Amino acid sequence: MTDRPRIFDEPAATPPRRPAAAHAAASGPLELPEAAALTARPAEEAALPATVPGRGLMPDLAPGAATRRTGRRLLWGGLGGLAVALIGFETWDLATRAFAHADWLGWMVTGLGVATLGGLGILGGAEIAALRRLARVDGLRDEAERLVAPDALHDPAAAADAAALAARVAALYEARPGLAAARADFAAQLTDAHDAAEALALTERLLLAPIDAEARRLVLLAARDTALATAASPAALLDAAVVLWRNARLVREVAALYGVRPGRIASLKIVRRSLGAAAVAGMGEAGQDTAVDALGGGLAAAVSARLGQGVVNGLVAARIGLGAMEACRPLPFRAVKRPRTTDLRRDMMRMLTGN
């Protein structure tokens, strides 16, 4: 052993490098080139079973959704009960103080309370009846979807059910004088020889087509009115009020035309469905581009952005109206062409420009 530092030691002899072929033969499988390695899949990845994108990969959210729905029901039910109890106690206290002051005043307060309860009962009964009518129309549409399924096309029982369903749809409009001729033609042409799809198609063409045309006219008028009113409105708050009022009126008109005759709560339910069907998210940018394309560059530059904003609001009203048609129609659009926003846009632009 010496005290010389190890840095001065001679390096160990390195083994000679083998040829590439010998190195490959000794080291096992041949390594892939860089380009091939990018596209190669590991053995464990290749052994994975094939999966369909989007199916069977998400966890089941049903238990959590049911729990949240139960919680919302308990919350709103509890708040409603507390509000009723608070109003009841306050009314009782008011009546007691009125009787302590004077009998006639107490009886007057009692009469006002009874009248209020009676009014609430009448309005509540009307809303329940409207919700039942909407549920009945939903049931007709769901039944029609079942009867036109591929496994029910040649089923004699499905044909009988379709004839009964067509009769129920016709019963919705038996009090419409304008549909008397259409109902007579429908009753004369519907026979036992029609299968389920043919019976429902006949119902659409003879009974629902005139109602669809009138509903389309109502939607087009509402879109035009909304576009003109918001284009001439001087304030954004007034724009919002006009749009809300005209769209709510349109939903009620379309629902009544199809036989739903909704109340306030049922109207809100239809509006929510209409918004979902219309998919108005992102309508602002798309509507602005549509308005510019439809009006033409020169005219759009001349009338400024106010008319463009009015056209956007009109198109939103049209989409909501079409959603209300699908939500309130007793049969889905199959034999009759579904109205499209593109067609309504062209007609609305003709009405606005006078062409």
Protein backbone atom coordinates (compact mmCIF):
# COMPACT_ATOMS: atom_id res chain seq x y z
CA MET A 1 0.00 0.00 0.00
CA THR A 2 1.26 3.36 -0.93
CA ASP A 3 0.22 6.78 0.05
CA ARG A 4 -0.15 7.89 -3.58
CA PRO A 5 -3.56 9.21 -4.33
CA ARG A 6 -5.83 6.90 -6.36
CA ILE A 7 -6.28 9.51 -9.03
CA PHE A 8 -2.83 8.63 -10.32
CA ASP A 9 -3.72 4.95 -10.72
CA GLU A 10 -3.85 3.69 -14.24
CA PRO A 11 -7.37 3.16 -15.50
CA ALA A 12 -8.54 -0.38 -15.85
CA ALA A 13 -8.47 -1.80 -19.30
CA THR A 14 -11.83 -1.45 -20.96
CA PRO A 15 -13.10 -4.52 -22.76
CA PRO A 16 -13.08 -4.28 -26.50
CA ARG A 17 -16.38 -3.31 -28.11
CA ARG A 18 -18.14 -6.10 -29.89
CA PRO A 19 -19.47 -5.76 -33.37
CA ALA A 20 -23.08 -4.68 -33.65
CA ALA A 21 -24.27 -8.03 -34.92
CA ALA A 22 -22.50 -9.95 -32.16
CA HIS A 23 -23.82 -7.53 -29.55
CA ALA A 24 -27.36 -7.99 -30.81
CA ALA A 25 -27.03 -11.76 -30.89
CA ALA A 26 -25.65 -11.85 -27.35
CA SER A 27 -28.07 -9.34 -25.81
CA GLY A 28 -31.27 -10.98 -26.91
CA PRO A 29 -34.02 -9.52 -29.10
CA LEU A 30 -33.07 -6.90 -31.61
CA GLU A 31 -33.91 -3.35 -30.50
CA LEU A 32 -36.42 -1.50 -32.66
CA PRO A 33 -35.44 1.65 -34.49
CA GLU A 34 -36.59 4.91 -32.99
CA ALA A 35 -39.47 5.39 -35.51
CA ALA A 36 -40.75 1.88 -34.94
CA ALA A 37 -40.46 2.21 -31.17
CA LEU A 38 -42.87 5.15 -31.24
CA THR A 39 -45.61 3.00 -32.74
CA ALA A 40 -44.87 -0.19 -30.82
CA ARG A 41 -47.24 -1.19 -27.99
CA PRO A 42 -45.98 -2.90 -24.86
CA ALA A 43 -47.02 -6.48 -24.40
CA GLU A 44 -49.12 -5.67 -21.34
CA GLU A 45 -50.94 -2.87 -23.22
CA ALA A 46 -51.61 -5.13 -26.19
CA ALA A 47 -53.09 -7.71 -23.84
CA LEU A 48 -55.70 -5.26 -22.51
CA PRO A 49 -59.27 -6.02 -23.61
CA ALA A 50 -60.79 -3.72 -26.20
CA THR A 51 -63.14 -1.11 -24.73
CA VAL A 52 -65.78 1.05 -26.29
CA PRO A 53 -65.08 4.74 -25.59
CA GLY A 54 -67.55 6.23 -23.14
CA ARG A 55 -69.23 2.97 -22.15
CA GLY A 56 -68.78 1.19 -18.89
CA LEU A 57 -66.02 3.51 -17.71
CA MET A 58 -67.93 6.04 -15.62
CA PRO A 59 -68.99 5.12 -12.08
CA ASP A 60 -72.64 4.65 -11.27
CA LEU A 61 -74.03 8.02 -10.11
CA ALA A 62 -77.58 6.85 -9.45
CA PRO A 63 -77.30 6.36 -5.64
CA GLY A 64 -75.82 9.82 -5.16
CA ALA A 65 -78.42 11.41 -7.44
CA ALA A 66 -81.24 9.71 -5.54
CA THR A 67 -79.81 10.93 -2.23
CA ARG A 68 -79.57 14.51 -3.50
CA ARG A 69 -83.12 14.35 -4.88
CA THR A 70 -84.41 13.14 -1.51
CA GLY A 71 -82.50 15.92 0.23
CA ARG A 72 -83.98 18.57 -2.08
CA ARG A 73 -87.48 17.26 -1.46
CA LEU A 74 -86.98 17.33 2.30
CA LEU A 75 -85.50 20.83 2.13
CA TRP A 76 -88.28 22.37 0.05
CA GLY A 77 -90.96 20.43 1.88
CA GLY A 78 -89.65 21.62 5.23
CA LEU A 79 -89.36 25.23 4.07
CA GLY A 80 -92.87 25.11 2.64
CA GLY A 81 -94.27 23.67 5.86
CA LEU A 82 -92.54 26.32 7.94
CA ALA A 83 -93.87 29.07 5.68
CA VAL A 84 -97.43 27.72 5.95
CA ALA A 85 -97.11 27.42 9.73
CA LEU A 86 -95.76 30.97 10.00
CA ILE A 87 -98.57 32.40 7.89
CA GLY A 88 -101.12 30.39 9.85
CA PHE A 89 -99.89 31.58 13.23
CA GLU A 90 -99.70 35.17 12.05
CA THR A 91 -103.23 34.99 10.64
CA TRP A 92 -104.55 33.41 13.83
CA ASP A 93 -102.87 36.08 15.91
CA LEU A 94 -104.30 38.79 13.66
CA ALA A 95 -107.82 37.35 13.92
CA THR A 96 -107.53 37.07 17.72
CA ARG A 97 -106.46 40.68 18.06
CA ALA A 98 -109.24 41.76 15.68
CA PHE A 99 -111.88 39.96 17.78
CA ALA A 100 -110.41 41.54 20.92
CA HIS A 101 -110.84 44.95 19.33
CA ALA A 102 -114.29 44.45 17.81
CA ASP A 103 -116.43 41.50 16.76
CA TRP A 104 -117.20 42.90 13.31
CA LEU A 105 -113.49 43.44 12.68
CA GLY A 106 -112.70 39.89 13.74
CA TRP A 107 -115.37 38.44 11.44
CA MET A 108 -114.08 40.57 8.57
CA VAL A 109 -110.53 39.28 9.06
CA THR A 110 -111.88 35.73 9.29
CA GLY A 111 -113.81 36.19 6.05
CA LEU A 112 -110.71 37.52 4.31
CA GLY A 113 -108.73 34.49 5.50
CA VAL A 114 -111.42 32.10 4.27
CA ALA A 115 -111.49 33.87 0.89
CA THR A 116 -107.70 33.60 0.67
CA LEU A 117 -107.80 29.89 1.43
CA GLY A 118 -110.55 29.38 -1.13
CA GLY A 119 -108.57 31.21 -3.80
CA LEU A 120 -105.49 29.19 -3.03
CA GLY A 121 -107.52 25.99 -3.22
CA ILE A 122 -108.97 26.91 -6.62
CA LEU A 123 -105.59 27.91 -8.03
CA GLY A 124 -103.95 24.80 -6.59
CA GLY A 125 -106.62 22.58 -8.11
CA ALA A 126 -106.15 24.26 -11.50
CA GLU A 127 -102.39 23.76 -11.33
CA ILE A 128 -102.81 20.09 -10.42
CA ALA A 129 -105.19 19.63 -13.34
CA ALA A 130 -102.71 21.33 -15.69
CA LEU A 131 -99.87 19.11 -14.48
CA ARG A 132 -102.08 16.07 -15.03
CA ARG A 133 -102.82 17.19 -18.60
CA LEU A 134 -99.12 17.61 -19.24
CA ALA A 135 -98.42 14.19 -17.75
CA ARG A 136 -101.15 12.70 -19.95
CA VAL A 137 -99.54 14.18 -23.07
CA ASP A 138 -96.15 12.87 -21.92
CA GLY A 139 -97.69 9.44 -21.50
CA LEU A 140 -99.10 9.53 -25.04
CA ARG A 141 -95.70 10.45 -26.46
CA ASP A 142 -93.92 7.72 -24.48
CA GLU A 143 -96.49 5.17 -25.61
CA ALA A 144 -95.97 6.22 -29.23
CA GLU A 145 -92.22 5.79 -28.86
CA ARG A 146 -92.80 2.26 -27.57
CA LEU A 147 -95.17 1.34 -30.39
CA VAL A 148 -92.80 2.40 -33.16
CA ALA A 149 -89.91 0.38 -31.76
CA PRO A 150 -88.49 -2.23 -34.18
CA ASP A 151 -89.76 -5.17 -32.12
CA ALA A 152 -93.36 -3.85 -32.30
CA LEU A 153 -93.61 -3.17 -36.03
CA HIS A 154 -95.40 -6.40 -36.95
CA ASP A 155 -97.11 -7.10 -33.64
CA PRO A 156 -100.94 -7.28 -33.94
CA ALA A 157 -101.29 -6.19 -30.32
CA ALA A 158 -99.13 -3.14 -31.04
CA ALA A 159 -101.37 -2.25 -33.98
CA ALA A 160 -104.43 -2.38 -31.73
CA ASP A 161 -102.67 -0.28 -29.12
CA ALA A 162 -101.69 2.25 -31.80
CA ALA A 163 -105.31 2.54 -32.95
CA ALA A 164 -106.39 3.14 -29.35
CA LEU A 165 -103.61 5.70 -28.93
CA ALA A 166 -104.71 7.50 -32.12
CA ALA A 167 -108.25 7.64 -30.75
CA ARG A 168 -106.98 9.18 -27.51
CA VAL A 169 -105.03 11.79 -29.48
CA ALA A 170 -108.12 12.60 -31.52
CA ALA A 171 -110.12 12.98 -28.29
CA LEU A 172 -107.81 15.81 -27.24
CA TYR A 173 -109.12 17.93 -30.12
CA GLU A 174 -112.76 16.88 -30.32
CA ALA A 175 -113.88 20.36 -29.25
CA ARG A 176 -111.93 22.13 -32.03
CA PRO A 177 -114.28 23.26 -34.82
CA GLY A 178 -111.39 23.82 -37.19
CA LEU A 179 -110.36 20.16 -36.95
CA ALA A 180 -113.80 18.66 -37.63
CA ALA A 181 -112.97 17.85 -41.26
CA ALA A 182 -109.55 16.47 -40.31
CA ARG A 183 -111.09 14.22 -37.64
CA ALA A 184 -113.67 12.95 -40.14
CA ASP A 185 -110.98 12.12 -42.71
CA PHE A 186 -108.90 10.44 -40.04
CA ALA A 187 -111.80 8.29 -38.83
CA ALA A 188 -112.61 7.29 -42.42
CA GLN A 189 -109.06 6.36 -43.39
CA LEU A 190 -107.89 4.54 -40.25
CA THR A 191 -108.65 0.81 -40.59
CA ASP A 192 -107.55 -2.44 -39.01
CA ALA A 193 -105.18 -3.04 -41.93
CA HIS A 194 -102.78 -0.37 -40.66
CA ASP A 195 -99.94 -1.47 -38.44
CA ALA A 196 -98.74 0.60 -35.49
CA ALA A 197 -96.34 2.82 -37.45
CA GLU A 198 -98.90 3.48 -40.20
CA ALA A 199 -101.67 4.34 -37.73
CA LEU A 200 -99.46 6.84 -35.89
CA ALA A 201 -98.20 8.31 -39.18
CA LEU A 202 -101.80 8.81 -40.30
CA THR A 203 -102.53 10.54 -37.00
CA GLU A 204 -99.64 12.92 -37.54
CA ARG A 205 -100.51 13.76 -41.14
CA LEU A 206 -104.25 14.24 -40.69
CA LEU A 207 -104.69 15.45 -37.10
CA LEU A 208 -101.44 17.02 -35.98
CA ALA A 209 -100.17 18.59 -39.21
CA PRO A 210 -102.69 21.49 -39.09
CA ILE A 211 -101.83 22.09 -35.43
CA ASP A 212 -98.12 21.98 -36.26
CA ALA A 213 -98.63 24.61 -38.97
CA GLU A 214 -100.47 26.91 -36.57
CA ALA A 215 -97.83 26.39 -33.88
CA ARG A 216 -95.12 27.24 -36.40
CA ARG A 217 -96.97 30.44 -37.27
CA LEU A 218 -97.18 31.39 -33.59
CA VAL A 219 -93.47 30.75 -33.11
CA LEU A 220 -92.61 32.83 -36.16
CA LEU A 221 -94.76 35.76 -34.99
CA ALA A 222 -93.22 35.61 -31.53
CA ALA A 223 -89.72 35.60 -33.01
CA ARG A 224 -90.55 38.61 -35.18
CA ASP A 225 -92.16 40.53 -32.31
CA THR A 226 -89.22 39.81 -30.02
CA ALA A 227 -86.71 40.91 -32.66
CA LEU A 228 -88.51 44.19 -33.39
CA ALA A 229 -89.23 45.01 -29.74
CA THR A 230 -85.70 44.42 -28.53
CA ALA A 231 -84.21 46.26 -31.52
CA ALA A 232 -86.29 49.35 -30.69
CA SER A 233 -85.89 49.08 -26.92
CA PRO A 234 -83.68 51.78 -25.38
CA ALA A 235 -82.60 49.82 -22.28
CA ALA A 236 -81.17 46.36 -21.66
CA LEU A 237 -83.51 45.81 -18.68
CA LEU A 238 -86.50 46.47 -20.93
CA ASP A 239 -85.03 44.02 -23.46
CA ALA A 240 -84.92 41.30 -20.82
CA ALA A 241 -88.48 42.03 -19.69
CA VAL A 242 -89.80 41.91 -23.28
CA VAL A 243 -87.99 38.65 -24.02
CA LEU A 244 -89.22 36.97 -20.85
CA TRP A 245 -92.81 38.13 -21.31
CA ARG A 246 -93.01 37.19 -25.00
CA ASN A 247 -91.38 33.80 -24.52
CA ALA A 248 -93.66 32.95 -21.59
CA ARG A 249 -96.69 33.94 -23.64
CA LEU A 250 -95.45 31.87 -26.59
CA VAL A 251 -94.99 28.78 -24.42
CA ARG A 252 -98.54 29.11 -23.06
CA GLU A 253 -99.98 29.59 -26.55
CA VAL A 254 -98.19 26.57 -27.99
CA ALA A 255 -99.14 24.42 -25.00
CA ALA A 256 -102.79 25.44 -25.23
CA LEU A 257 -102.77 24.77 -28.98
CA TYR A 258 -101.67 21.18 -28.42
CA GLY A 259 -104.27 20.66 -25.70
CA VAL A 260 -102.16 21.05 -22.56
CA ARG A 261 -103.64 24.38 -21.31
CA PRO A 262 -100.93 24.88 -18.68
CA GLY A 263 -101.06 26.78 -15.45
CA ARG A 264 -98.21 28.76 -13.95
CA ILE A 265 -96.30 25.80 -12.54
CA ALA A 266 -96.88 23.70 -15.65
CA SER A 267 -95.73 26.63 -17.79
CA LEU A 268 -92.47 26.80 -15.85
CA LYS A 269 -92.03 23.08 -16.34
CA ILE A 270 -92.60 23.44 -20.09
CA VAL A 271 -90.19 26.39 -20.24
CA ARG A 272 -87.52 24.28 -18.55
CA ARG A 273 -88.06 21.49 -21.06
CA SER A 274 -88.05 23.98 -23.92
CA LEU A 275 -84.75 25.43 -22.80
CA GLY A 276 -83.28 21.95 -22.68
CA ALA A 277 -84.60 21.05 -26.11
CA ALA A 278 -83.59 24.35 -27.63
CA ALA A 279 -80.00 24.21 -26.34
CA VAL A 280 -79.69 27.95 -26.18
CA ALA A 281 -76.21 27.85 -24.64
CA GLY A 282 -73.87 29.79 -26.84
CA MET A 283 -76.71 31.20 -28.89
CA GLY A 284 -75.36 34.74 -28.64
CA GLU A 285 -72.25 34.29 -30.76
CA ALA A 286 -73.89 31.91 -33.22
CA GLY A 287 -76.94 34.14 -33.51
CA GLN A 288 -74.83 37.22 -34.16
CA ASP A 289 -73.01 35.48 -37.02
CA THR A 290 -76.29 34.18 -38.36
CA ALA A 291 -77.81 37.63 -38.29
CA VAL A 292 -74.89 39.12 -40.19
CA ASP A 293 -74.99 36.36 -42.79
CA ALA A 294 -78.73 36.61 -43.23
CA LEU A 295 -78.92 40.41 -43.37
CA GLY A 296 -75.97 40.85 -45.68
CA GLY A 297 -72.86 42.89 -45.02
CA GLY A 298 -74.15 46.21 -46.35
CA LEU A 299 -77.47 46.11 -44.57
CA ALA A 300 -75.95 44.84 -41.33
CA ALA A 301 -73.49 47.74 -41.42
CA ALA A 302 -76.32 50.20 -42.04
CA VAL A 303 -78.70 49.15 -39.31
CA SER A 304 -76.03 48.85 -36.58
CA ALA A 305 -75.78 46.21 -33.90
CA ARG A 306 -79.22 46.88 -32.39
CA LEU A 307 -81.09 45.00 -35.11
CA GLY A 308 -78.50 42.27 -34.93
CA GLN A 309 -79.17 41.89 -31.22
CA GLY A 310 -82.89 41.88 -31.94
CA VAL A 311 -82.40 39.09 -34.48
CA VAL A 312 -80.44 37.12 -31.87
CA ASN A 313 -83.31 37.46 -29.36
CA GLY A 314 -85.80 36.52 -32.06
CA LEU A 315 -83.86 33.37 -32.87
CA VAL A 316 -83.73 32.46 -29.19
CA ALA A 317 -87.51 32.88 -29.03
CA ALA A 318 -87.84 30.66 -32.09
CA ARG A 319 -85.71 27.96 -30.49
CA ILE A 320 -87.76 28.12 -27.29
CA GLY A 321 -90.98 27.89 -29.31
CA LEU A 322 -89.75 24.84 -31.19
CA GLY A 323 -88.75 23.26 -27.89
CA ALA A 324 -92.25 23.95 -26.56
CA MET A 325 -93.73 22.24 -29.62
CA GLU A 326 -91.72 19.09 -28.94
CA ALA A 327 -92.53 19.22 -25.22
CA CYS A 328 -96.30 19.59 -25.74
CA ARG A 329 -96.90 17.56 -28.90
CA PRO A 330 -98.70 14.28 -28.06
CA LEU A 331 -96.71 12.36 -30.70
CA PRO A 332 -93.03 12.68 -31.59
CA PHE A 333 -92.07 14.06 -34.99
CA ARG A 334 -91.72 11.08 -37.32
CA ALA A 335 -94.07 11.13 -40.30
CA VAL A 336 -94.16 14.93 -40.32
CA LYS A 337 -90.97 16.93 -40.80
CA ARG A 338 -89.72 18.58 -37.63
CA PRO A 339 -89.58 22.39 -37.94
CA ARG A 340 -86.05 23.72 -38.04
CA THR A 341 -84.61 26.97 -36.81
CA THR A 342 -82.98 27.53 -40.21
CA ASP A 343 -86.37 27.68 -41.94
CA LEU A 344 -87.78 29.98 -39.27
CA ARG A 345 -84.74 32.21 -39.55
CA ARG A 346 -85.26 32.66 -43.28
CA ASP A 347 -88.95 33.43 -42.84
CA MET A 348 -88.24 35.85 -40.00
CA MET A 349 -85.65 37.70 -42.08
CA ARG A 350 -88.16 38.01 -44.93
CA MET A 351 -90.67 39.50 -42.52
CA LEU A 352 -88.11 41.91 -41.07
CA THR A 353 -86.66 43.06 -44.38
CA GLY A 354 -89.94 43.02 -46.35
CA ASN A 355 -88.60 40.66 -49.02
